[in-house]
Amino acid sequence: MLNEDGGVECQSAEGDLVSYSCYCPKVVAMIGRVPDTIADRSVVIRMERKLLTEKCEPLTDFHPEKINGKCARFALDFKDVVKNASIERIVGLNDRAADTWEPMAVIARIAGEAWEQKLDEAAQFLSSSENTCQPGPGLLLDMLMTFVNGMPGSPDKIFSRDMASILRGCHGCEATQYFGDKEINERTVAETLGRYGIKSCTIRLGSRVARGYCAEDFKSVLRRYVPRIDVEQKAAERGSFRQW
């Protein structure tokens, strides 16, 4: 049973009620893509192999003793302040990401305005789908971009087959990276969008009539699932995308 401090209460062998503090931040290092269940509840920091031209200090020169001491001193001096601090969500993050960043936001606010700004910038970048490689938001944005990169016709409608071909990298477009080795066809697109409540309908483009999608149906889903920084980056790349 959880107590009010986030610890666990259970009975000892003697039958007494004992409280254990079981909360602590954890660092997980891994090779490859972070599973969605972890990435969606973590601060993901992608690492890249160092170029030969880049210089950095060897790990053996890192001595964290002073940092450890300062962190321990801060925890003792400000534990009550942090515990009783009001929660202020970072604007632009979804609820789960905001929950993850809340403890750090409290500490940054205590450290000063400059640190609040640094934390806000870090949170926006590290929560973006580009950094976390989460397929949902990134794939939705790629699908929406097919309306901008799409075939000649209406910028507000696209046939299912054209969306699939653009996502495969046809017609001079860059292929999406979020399907992996899975074949991209009309059924794949329909199954993916169906999870977000977006369904195809019969549309007309000139004299052609076929199943397809309307850009209007993506707007609500875009606001709910795609991080703000991703949308702003695409908007900066393409002026026609600013309406979203």
Protein backbone atom coordinates (compact mmCIF):
# COMPACT_ATOMS: atom_id res chain seq x y z
CA MET A 1 0.00 0.00 0.00
CA LEU A 2 1.36 3.45 -0.93
CA ASN A 3 1.66 6.02 1.81
CA GLU A 4 1.31 9.78 1.38
CA ASP A 5 5.05 10.19 0.71
CA GLY A 6 5.05 7.75 -2.19
CA GLY A 7 6.59 4.93 -0.16
CA VAL A 8 5.26 1.43 0.38
CA GLU A 9 3.79 0.20 3.64
CA CYS A 10 3.81 -3.52 4.39
CA GLN A 11 3.93 -5.86 7.35
CA SER A 12 7.21 -7.19 8.69
CA ALA A 13 7.74 -10.80 9.76
CA GLU A 14 6.73 -9.76 13.28
CA GLY A 15 3.47 -8.26 12.01
CA ASP A 16 4.46 -4.62 12.49
CA LEU A 17 3.65 -2.02 9.83
CA VAL A 18 6.89 -0.81 8.22
CA SER A 19 7.24 2.04 5.73
CA TYR A 20 9.80 1.87 2.90
CA SER A 21 10.74 4.76 0.62
CA CYS A 22 10.81 3.17 -2.83
CA TYR A 23 10.89 6.21 -5.14
CA CYS A 24 14.05 7.31 -6.88
CA PRO A 25 15.00 8.46 -10.39
CA LYS A 26 16.57 5.75 -12.52
CA VAL A 27 18.96 5.86 -15.47
CA VAL A 28 18.58 3.19 -18.16
CA ALA A 29 21.25 2.88 -20.88
CA MET A 30 20.51 0.79 -23.92
CA ILE A 31 21.43 0.21 -27.55
CA GLY A 32 18.81 0.83 -30.19
CA ARG A 33 15.36 2.32 -30.01
CA VAL A 34 13.75 2.90 -26.63
CA PRO A 35 10.46 0.97 -26.25
CA ASP A 36 7.40 3.23 -26.33
CA THR A 37 6.32 2.21 -22.82
CA ILE A 38 9.64 3.53 -21.46
CA ALA A 39 10.13 6.50 -23.80
CA ASP A 40 6.66 7.83 -23.05
CA ARG A 41 7.47 8.00 -19.33
CA SER A 42 11.10 9.09 -19.45
CA VAL A 43 13.46 11.85 -20.47
CA VAL A 44 15.17 10.28 -23.48
CA ILE A 45 18.68 11.48 -24.31
CA ARG A 46 19.98 10.07 -27.58
CA MET A 47 23.72 9.51 -27.80
CA GLU A 48 25.75 9.57 -30.99
CA ARG A 49 29.18 8.21 -31.79
CA LYS A 50 31.88 10.85 -31.54
CA LEU A 51 33.57 11.99 -34.73
CA LEU A 52 37.36 11.73 -34.92
CA THR A 53 37.47 15.52 -35.25
CA GLU A 54 35.49 16.03 -32.03
CA LYS A 55 37.25 16.28 -28.70
CA CYS A 56 35.88 15.45 -25.28
CA GLU A 57 37.37 14.64 -21.91
CA PRO A 58 37.84 10.94 -21.10
CA LEU A 59 35.46 9.47 -18.55
CA THR A 60 38.38 8.70 -16.23
CA ASP A 61 38.85 12.45 -15.73
CA PHE A 62 35.32 12.84 -14.40
CA HIS A 63 35.24 13.12 -10.62
CA PRO A 64 31.67 13.56 -9.40
CA GLU A 65 32.42 13.77 -5.68
CA LYS A 66 31.90 17.54 -5.45
CA ILE A 67 28.70 17.34 -7.50
CA ASN A 68 27.39 14.53 -5.30
CA GLY A 69 28.07 16.60 -2.19
CA LYS A 70 26.28 19.66 -3.60
CA CYS A 71 23.26 17.58 -4.62
CA ALA A 72 23.05 16.05 -1.15
CA ARG A 73 23.32 19.49 0.46
CA PHE A 74 20.58 20.85 -1.82
CA ALA A 75 18.30 17.93 -1.00
CA LEU A 76 18.71 18.53 2.73
CA ASP A 77 18.26 22.30 2.52
CA PHE A 78 15.34 22.42 0.09
CA LYS A 79 13.44 19.16 0.57
CA ASP A 80 10.50 20.88 2.26
CA VAL A 81 10.45 23.67 -0.35
CA VAL A 82 10.39 21.13 -3.19
CA LYS A 83 7.78 18.98 -1.45
CA ASN A 84 5.39 21.91 -0.91
CA ALA A 85 6.05 23.74 -4.19
CA SER A 86 3.13 24.42 -6.50
CA ILE A 87 3.04 22.55 -9.80
CA GLU A 88 3.47 24.58 -12.96
CA ARG A 89 3.19 22.63 -16.19
CA ILE A 90 5.64 23.28 -19.03
CA VAL A 91 3.61 24.68 -21.91
CA GLY A 92 3.63 22.60 -25.09
CA LEU A 93 4.09 19.14 -23.53
CA ASN A 94 1.47 16.43 -23.39
CA ASP A 95 0.20 15.36 -19.96
CA ARG A 96 2.53 12.41 -19.55
CA ALA A 97 5.63 14.35 -20.58
CA ALA A 98 4.59 17.23 -18.29
CA ASP A 99 4.29 14.77 -15.38
CA THR A 100 7.79 13.48 -16.10
CA TRP A 101 9.32 16.95 -16.13
CA GLU A 102 7.43 18.38 -13.14
CA PRO A 103 10.03 17.54 -10.43
CA MET A 104 12.82 19.12 -12.49
CA ALA A 105 10.64 22.16 -13.21
CA VAL A 106 10.24 22.73 -9.47
CA ILE A 107 14.00 22.52 -8.91
CA ALA A 108 14.69 24.83 -11.86
CA ARG A 109 12.28 27.40 -10.47
CA ILE A 110 14.18 27.37 -7.18
CA ALA A 111 17.51 27.71 -9.03
CA GLY A 112 16.38 30.85 -10.87
CA GLU A 113 14.77 32.20 -14.04
CA ALA A 114 17.77 31.37 -16.23
CA TRP A 115 17.50 27.70 -15.27
CA GLU A 116 13.75 27.71 -15.89
CA GLN A 117 14.43 28.89 -19.44
CA LYS A 118 17.10 26.22 -19.97
CA LEU A 119 14.78 23.52 -18.65
CA ASP A 120 11.93 24.68 -20.89
CA GLU A 121 14.15 24.51 -23.98
CA ALA A 122 15.49 21.09 -22.98
CA ALA A 123 12.00 19.74 -22.29
CA GLN A 124 10.65 20.91 -25.65
CA PHE A 125 13.55 19.33 -27.57
CA LEU A 126 13.92 16.10 -25.59
CA SER A 127 10.15 15.47 -25.71
CA SER A 128 9.97 15.84 -29.49
CA SER A 129 9.33 12.73 -31.58
CA GLU A 130 12.52 13.42 -33.54
CA ASN A 131 14.57 12.91 -30.39
CA THR A 132 12.59 10.05 -28.84
CA CYS A 133 11.98 8.25 -32.16
CA GLN A 134 8.44 7.49 -31.04
CA PRO A 135 6.56 6.26 -34.10
CA GLY A 136 3.13 7.70 -33.28
CA PRO A 137 3.72 11.48 -33.37
CA GLY A 138 6.43 11.34 -36.03
CA LEU A 139 4.37 9.13 -38.31
CA LEU A 140 1.29 11.32 -37.91
CA LEU A 141 3.30 14.37 -38.90
CA ASP A 142 4.77 12.54 -41.91
CA MET A 143 1.26 11.52 -42.98
CA LEU A 144 -0.01 15.05 -42.63
CA MET A 145 2.92 16.33 -44.66
CA THR A 146 1.75 14.21 -47.58
CA PHE A 147 -0.93 16.86 -48.14
CA VAL A 148 1.85 19.44 -48.61
CA ASN A 149 4.08 17.15 -50.67
CA GLY A 150 1.13 15.48 -52.38
CA MET A 151 0.06 14.89 -55.93
CA PRO A 152 -1.36 17.72 -58.08
CA GLY A 153 -4.93 18.54 -57.08
CA SER A 154 -6.46 19.79 -53.87
CA PRO A 155 -4.11 20.57 -50.96
CA ASP A 156 -6.90 19.50 -48.59
CA LYS A 157 -7.48 15.98 -49.94
CA ILE A 158 -5.32 13.04 -50.93
CA PHE A 159 -6.03 9.54 -52.22
CA SER A 160 -5.00 6.65 -49.97
CA ARG A 161 -2.77 5.18 -52.67
CA ASP A 162 -0.98 8.52 -53.14
CA MET A 163 -0.38 8.90 -49.41
CA ALA A 164 1.11 5.41 -49.28
CA SER A 165 3.38 6.02 -52.27
CA ILE A 166 4.64 9.33 -50.84
CA LEU A 167 5.37 7.67 -47.50
CA ARG A 168 7.36 5.02 -49.40
CA GLY A 169 9.53 7.79 -50.84
CA CYS A 170 8.05 8.00 -54.34
CA HIS A 171 7.51 11.17 -56.38
CA GLY A 172 10.76 12.72 -55.17
CA CYS A 173 9.70 12.70 -51.49
CA GLU A 174 11.68 11.42 -48.52
CA ALA A 175 10.46 8.07 -47.21
CA THR A 176 9.11 7.93 -43.68
CA GLN A 177 11.34 6.18 -41.16
CA TYR A 178 8.59 5.06 -38.80
CA PHE A 179 7.28 1.90 -40.46
CA GLY A 180 10.61 0.08 -40.35
CA ASP A 181 10.57 -3.02 -42.55
CA LYS A 182 6.77 -3.10 -42.73
CA GLU A 183 5.28 -2.73 -46.20
CA ILE A 184 3.61 0.64 -46.72
CA ASN A 185 0.35 0.33 -48.62
CA GLU A 186 -3.23 1.59 -48.37
CA ARG A 187 -4.09 -1.00 -45.72
CA THR A 188 -1.08 -0.08 -43.58
CA VAL A 189 -2.06 3.58 -43.73
CA ALA A 190 -5.69 2.80 -42.88
CA GLU A 191 -4.76 0.62 -39.89
CA THR A 192 -2.39 3.27 -38.53
CA LEU A 193 -4.80 6.18 -38.88
CA GLY A 194 -7.71 4.09 -37.62
CA ARG A 195 -6.05 3.92 -34.20
CA TYR A 196 -6.46 7.69 -34.01
CA GLY A 197 -10.04 7.72 -35.23
CA ILE A 198 -9.16 8.91 -38.74
CA LYS A 199 -10.97 6.95 -41.45
CA SER A 200 -10.84 7.14 -45.20
CA CYS A 201 -13.79 8.33 -47.24
CA THR A 202 -14.71 8.66 -50.90
CA ILE A 203 -13.19 11.83 -52.32
CA ARG A 204 -13.03 13.45 -55.74
CA LEU A 205 -9.95 15.07 -57.24
CA GLY A 206 -10.78 16.39 -60.70
CA SER A 207 -12.34 13.56 -62.64
CA ARG A 208 -10.92 10.87 -60.34
CA VAL A 209 -12.91 9.34 -57.49
CA ALA A 210 -11.39 6.97 -54.91
CA ARG A 211 -10.88 6.38 -51.19
CA GLY A 212 -8.75 8.98 -49.49
CA TYR A 213 -8.32 11.40 -46.60
CA CYS A 214 -9.21 15.01 -45.82
CA ALA A 215 -6.64 17.25 -44.15
CA GLU A 216 -9.32 18.67 -41.85
CA ASP A 217 -9.63 15.28 -40.11
CA PHE A 218 -6.00 15.49 -38.98
CA LYS A 219 -6.17 18.80 -37.13
CA SER A 220 -7.53 17.60 -33.79
CA VAL A 221 -5.26 14.54 -33.74
CA LEU A 222 -2.26 16.72 -34.57
CA ARG A 223 -2.90 18.98 -31.58
CA ARG A 224 -3.46 16.04 -29.24
CA TYR A 225 -0.55 13.77 -30.14
CA VAL A 226 2.22 15.69 -31.93
CA PRO A 227 4.61 17.78 -29.79
CA ARG A 228 4.45 21.51 -30.46
CA ILE A 229 8.14 21.72 -31.35
CA ASP A 230 7.66 19.20 -34.18
CA VAL A 231 4.85 21.23 -35.71
CA GLU A 232 6.80 24.49 -35.37
CA GLN A 233 9.84 22.94 -37.05
CA LYS A 234 7.76 21.78 -40.01
CA ALA A 235 6.05 25.16 -40.14
CA ALA A 236 9.43 26.87 -40.34
CA GLU A 237 10.44 24.60 -43.21
CA ARG A 238 7.24 25.15 -45.19
CA GLY A 239 5.21 28.36 -45.00
CA SER A 240 2.15 26.56 -46.35
CA PHE A 241 2.18 24.40 -43.26
CA ARG A 242 1.64 27.30 -40.85
CA GLN A 243 -2.15 26.97 -41.04
CA TRP A 244 -1.85 23.88 -38.88
